């Protein structure tokens, strides 16, 4: 599933990008993790939006299984396996 994101500025603001030596590695890692979770949440909401517009249970269920297989199943020419991350 491919998704894109955009930002809309509501008010003028100033942003400073701090080096990890200044801000501390832990702070930067927390921010990176929060941003990663926000991106995952945006992808999940995009999927819910798409799935809600698919008519019928069979189509929605098929789409759900397709997304789950894309995320958790690895297929090669000789085998398939589940990822357990």
N, C-alpha and C. Protein backbone atom coordinates (compact mmCIF):
# COMPACT_ATOMS: atom_id res chain seq x y z
N UNK A 1 0.85 -1.15 0.00
CA UNK A 1 0.00 0.00 0.00
C UNK A 1 0.91 1.23 0.00
N UNK A 2 0.66 2.12 -0.91
CA UNK A 2 1.44 3.35 -1.01
C UNK A 2 0.60 4.49 -0.48
N UNK A 3 1.20 5.33 0.34
CA UNK A 3 0.48 6.47 0.90
C UNK A 3 1.40 7.69 0.85
N UNK A 4 0.80 8.83 0.86
CA UNK A 4 1.59 10.05 0.93
C UNK A 4 1.04 10.93 2.05
N UNK A 5 1.86 11.83 2.51
CA UNK A 5 1.45 12.72 3.60
C UNK A 5 1.80 14.14 3.21
N UNK A 6 1.05 15.06 3.75
CA UNK A 6 1.35 16.47 3.51
C UNK A 6 1.10 17.25 4.79
N UNK A 7 1.69 18.42 4.86
CA UNK A 7 1.56 19.28 6.03
C UNK A 7 0.93 20.58 5.60
N UNK A 8 0.06 21.10 6.41
CA UNK A 8 -0.55 22.39 6.16
C UNK A 8 -0.23 23.29 7.34
N UNK A 9 0.42 24.40 7.07
CA UNK A 9 0.82 25.32 8.13
C UNK A 9 -0.35 26.22 8.46
N UNK A 10 -0.78 26.18 9.72
CA UNK A 10 -1.90 27.00 10.16
C UNK A 10 -1.45 28.35 10.69
N UNK A 11 -0.26 28.39 11.28
CA UNK A 11 0.29 29.62 11.81
C UNK A 11 1.78 29.66 11.53
N UNK A 12 2.33 30.84 11.32
CA UNK A 12 3.78 30.94 11.14
C UNK A 12 4.49 30.44 12.39
N UNK A 13 5.59 29.75 12.20
CA UNK A 13 6.33 29.21 13.33
C UNK A 13 7.80 29.10 12.99
N UNK A 14 8.63 28.90 13.98
CA UNK A 14 10.05 28.68 13.78
C UNK A 14 10.39 27.30 14.33
N UNK A 15 11.20 26.58 13.60
CA UNK A 15 11.59 25.24 14.00
C UNK A 15 13.11 25.17 14.01
N UNK A 16 13.66 24.57 15.04
CA UNK A 16 15.10 24.38 15.14
C UNK A 16 15.40 22.88 15.11
N UNK A 17 16.34 22.49 14.28
CA UNK A 17 16.79 21.10 14.24
C UNK A 17 18.04 21.01 15.08
N UNK A 18 17.97 20.24 16.14
CA UNK A 18 19.08 20.13 17.08
C UNK A 18 19.92 18.91 16.77
N UNK A 19 21.21 19.05 16.89
CA UNK A 19 22.13 17.93 16.72
C UNK A 19 21.97 16.99 17.91
N UNK A 20 22.17 15.70 17.69
CA UNK A 20 21.97 14.74 18.78
C UNK A 20 22.94 14.96 19.93
N UNK A 21 24.12 15.52 19.68
CA UNK A 21 25.05 15.80 20.78
C UNK A 21 24.47 16.89 21.69
N UNK A 22 23.70 17.80 21.11
CA UNK A 22 23.11 18.88 21.90
C UNK A 22 21.84 18.42 22.60
N UNK A 23 20.95 17.78 21.85
CA UNK A 23 19.66 17.39 22.40
C UNK A 23 19.72 16.10 23.21
N UNK A 24 20.76 15.34 23.02
CA UNK A 24 20.88 14.06 23.71
C UNK A 24 20.34 12.95 22.83
N UNK A 25 21.07 11.87 22.78
CA UNK A 25 20.68 10.75 21.92
C UNK A 25 19.33 10.17 22.32
N UNK A 26 19.04 10.14 23.61
CA UNK A 26 17.77 9.57 24.06
C UNK A 26 16.59 10.39 23.57
N UNK A 27 16.71 11.72 23.62
CA UNK A 27 15.63 12.58 23.16
C UNK A 27 15.38 12.39 21.67
N UNK A 28 16.46 12.31 20.91
CA UNK A 28 16.32 12.11 19.47
C UNK A 28 15.67 10.75 19.17
N UNK A 29 16.04 9.73 19.94
CA UNK A 29 15.47 8.40 19.72
C UNK A 29 13.99 8.38 20.06
N UNK A 30 13.60 9.05 21.12
CA UNK A 30 12.18 9.13 21.50
C UNK A 30 11.40 9.83 20.39
N UNK A 31 11.93 10.93 19.88
CA UNK A 31 11.25 11.65 18.81
C UNK A 31 11.14 10.79 17.56
N UNK A 32 12.20 10.06 17.23
CA UNK A 32 12.16 9.18 16.05
C UNK A 32 11.12 8.08 16.22
N UNK A 33 11.03 7.51 17.41
CA UNK A 33 10.03 6.47 17.67
C UNK A 33 8.61 7.02 17.58
N UNK A 34 8.40 8.22 18.13
CA UNK A 34 7.07 8.83 18.06
C UNK A 34 6.67 9.12 16.62
N UNK A 35 7.61 9.62 15.84
CA UNK A 35 7.32 9.90 14.43
C UNK A 35 7.03 8.61 13.68
N UNK A 36 7.79 7.56 13.97
CA UNK A 36 7.55 6.27 13.33
C UNK A 36 6.16 5.73 13.65
N UNK A 37 5.74 5.87 14.89
CA UNK A 37 4.40 5.41 15.27
C UNK A 37 3.32 6.25 14.60
N UNK A 38 3.58 7.55 14.45
CA UNK A 38 2.61 8.42 13.78
C UNK A 38 2.45 8.02 12.31
N UNK A 39 3.54 7.66 11.67
CA UNK A 39 3.48 7.21 10.27
C UNK A 39 2.72 5.90 10.17
N UNK A 40 3.00 4.96 11.08
CA UNK A 40 2.26 3.69 11.08
C UNK A 40 0.77 3.92 11.29
N UNK A 41 0.43 4.83 12.19
CA UNK A 41 -0.98 5.14 12.44
C UNK A 41 -1.63 5.75 11.21
N UNK A 42 -0.91 6.63 10.52
CA UNK A 42 -1.45 7.23 9.30
C UNK A 42 -1.70 6.17 8.23
N UNK A 43 -0.79 5.20 8.11
CA UNK A 43 -1.00 4.11 7.15
C UNK A 43 -2.21 3.27 7.53
N UNK A 44 -2.36 2.99 8.82
CA UNK A 44 -3.51 2.21 9.28
C UNK A 44 -4.82 2.95 9.00
N UNK A 45 -4.85 4.25 9.26
CA UNK A 45 -6.05 5.02 8.99
C UNK A 45 -6.35 5.10 7.49
N UNK A 46 -5.30 5.17 6.68
CA UNK A 46 -5.50 5.17 5.23
C UNK A 46 -6.12 3.85 4.78
N UNK A 47 -5.66 2.73 5.37
CA UNK A 47 -6.24 1.44 5.01
C UNK A 47 -7.71 1.36 5.42
N UNK A 48 -8.03 1.84 6.63
CA UNK A 48 -9.42 1.83 7.08
C UNK A 48 -10.29 2.66 6.14
N UNK A 49 -9.77 3.79 5.70
CA UNK A 49 -10.51 4.63 4.77
C UNK A 49 -10.76 3.90 3.45
N UNK A 50 -9.74 3.25 2.93
CA UNK A 50 -9.89 2.51 1.68
C UNK A 50 -10.86 1.35 1.86
N UNK A 51 -10.69 0.59 2.95
CA UNK A 51 -11.54 -0.59 3.17
C UNK A 51 -13.00 -0.21 3.35
N UNK A 52 -13.25 0.96 3.91
CA UNK A 52 -14.64 1.36 4.13
C UNK A 52 -15.36 1.69 2.82
N UNK A 53 -14.61 1.90 1.76
CA UNK A 53 -15.22 2.22 0.47
C UNK A 53 -15.30 1.02 -0.47
N UNK A 54 -14.89 -0.15 0.00
CA UNK A 54 -14.99 -1.36 -0.81
C UNK A 54 -16.36 -1.99 -0.55
N UNK A 55 -17.14 -2.20 -1.60
CA UNK A 55 -18.48 -2.76 -1.38
C UNK A 55 -18.45 -4.25 -1.04
N UNK A 56 -19.26 -4.64 -0.10
CA UNK A 56 -19.44 -6.05 0.24
C UNK A 56 -18.39 -6.61 1.18
N UNK A 57 -18.82 -7.60 1.95
CA UNK A 57 -17.95 -8.23 2.92
C UNK A 57 -16.81 -8.99 2.25
N UNK A 58 -17.10 -9.68 1.15
CA UNK A 58 -16.07 -10.49 0.49
C UNK A 58 -14.92 -9.62 0.00
N UNK A 59 -15.23 -8.47 -0.57
CA UNK A 59 -14.18 -7.57 -1.04
C UNK A 59 -13.36 -7.01 0.09
N UNK A 60 -14.02 -6.63 1.19
CA UNK A 60 -13.29 -6.09 2.34
C UNK A 60 -12.42 -7.15 2.98
N UNK A 61 -12.95 -8.35 3.14
CA UNK A 61 -12.18 -9.43 3.74
C UNK A 61 -10.99 -9.81 2.87
N UNK A 62 -11.21 -9.86 1.56
CA UNK A 62 -10.10 -10.15 0.65
C UNK A 62 -9.00 -9.10 0.73
N UNK A 63 -9.39 -7.84 0.83
CA UNK A 63 -8.41 -6.76 0.95
C UNK A 63 -7.66 -6.86 2.26
N UNK A 64 -8.36 -7.16 3.35
CA UNK A 64 -7.72 -7.31 4.65
C UNK A 64 -6.69 -8.44 4.61
N UNK A 65 -7.08 -9.59 4.05
CA UNK A 65 -6.15 -10.72 3.98
C UNK A 65 -4.94 -10.40 3.10
N UNK A 66 -5.17 -9.64 2.03
CA UNK A 66 -4.08 -9.24 1.16
C UNK A 66 -3.08 -8.36 1.93
N UNK A 67 -3.58 -7.39 2.68
CA UNK A 67 -2.71 -6.50 3.45
C UNK A 67 -1.97 -7.27 4.54
N UNK A 68 -2.66 -8.17 5.23
CA UNK A 68 -2.00 -8.96 6.27
C UNK A 68 -0.92 -9.87 5.67
N UNK A 69 -1.21 -10.48 4.53
CA UNK A 69 -0.22 -11.34 3.89
C UNK A 69 0.99 -10.52 3.44
N UNK A 70 0.74 -9.31 2.94
CA UNK A 70 1.85 -8.46 2.51
C UNK A 70 2.73 -8.08 3.69
N UNK A 71 2.13 -7.93 4.85
CA UNK A 71 2.89 -7.52 6.03
C UNK A 71 3.59 -8.67 6.73
N UNK A 72 2.96 -9.83 6.81
CA UNK A 72 3.47 -10.90 7.67
C UNK A 72 4.00 -12.13 6.95
N UNK A 73 3.73 -12.29 5.65
CA UNK A 73 4.11 -13.52 4.95
C UNK A 73 5.21 -13.22 3.94
N UNK A 74 6.23 -14.07 3.94
CA UNK A 74 7.30 -13.95 2.95
C UNK A 74 7.20 -15.13 2.00
N UNK A 75 7.16 -14.85 0.71
CA UNK A 75 6.99 -15.89 -0.30
C UNK A 75 8.22 -15.92 -1.19
N UNK A 76 8.78 -17.13 -1.38
CA UNK A 76 9.87 -17.34 -2.34
C UNK A 76 9.39 -18.33 -3.37
N UNK A 77 10.27 -18.71 -4.30
CA UNK A 77 9.86 -19.66 -5.33
C UNK A 77 9.59 -21.05 -4.77
N UNK A 78 10.21 -21.39 -3.64
CA UNK A 78 10.10 -22.74 -3.12
C UNK A 78 9.28 -22.85 -1.83
N UNK A 79 9.02 -21.72 -1.14
CA UNK A 79 8.33 -21.82 0.14
C UNK A 79 7.66 -20.50 0.50
N UNK A 80 6.86 -20.53 1.55
CA UNK A 80 6.31 -19.32 2.15
C UNK A 80 6.41 -19.47 3.66
N UNK A 81 6.61 -18.37 4.34
CA UNK A 81 6.78 -18.43 5.80
C UNK A 81 6.21 -17.15 6.42
N UNK A 82 5.85 -17.27 7.70
CA UNK A 82 5.34 -16.14 8.46
C UNK A 82 6.49 -15.45 9.17
N UNK A 83 6.47 -14.13 9.17
CA UNK A 83 7.42 -13.35 9.96
C UNK A 83 6.82 -13.11 11.33
N UNK A 84 7.62 -13.28 12.36
CA UNK A 84 7.16 -13.01 13.72
C UNK A 84 8.09 -11.98 14.35
N UNK A 85 7.90 -10.73 13.96
CA UNK A 85 8.76 -9.65 14.48
C UNK A 85 8.28 -9.20 15.82
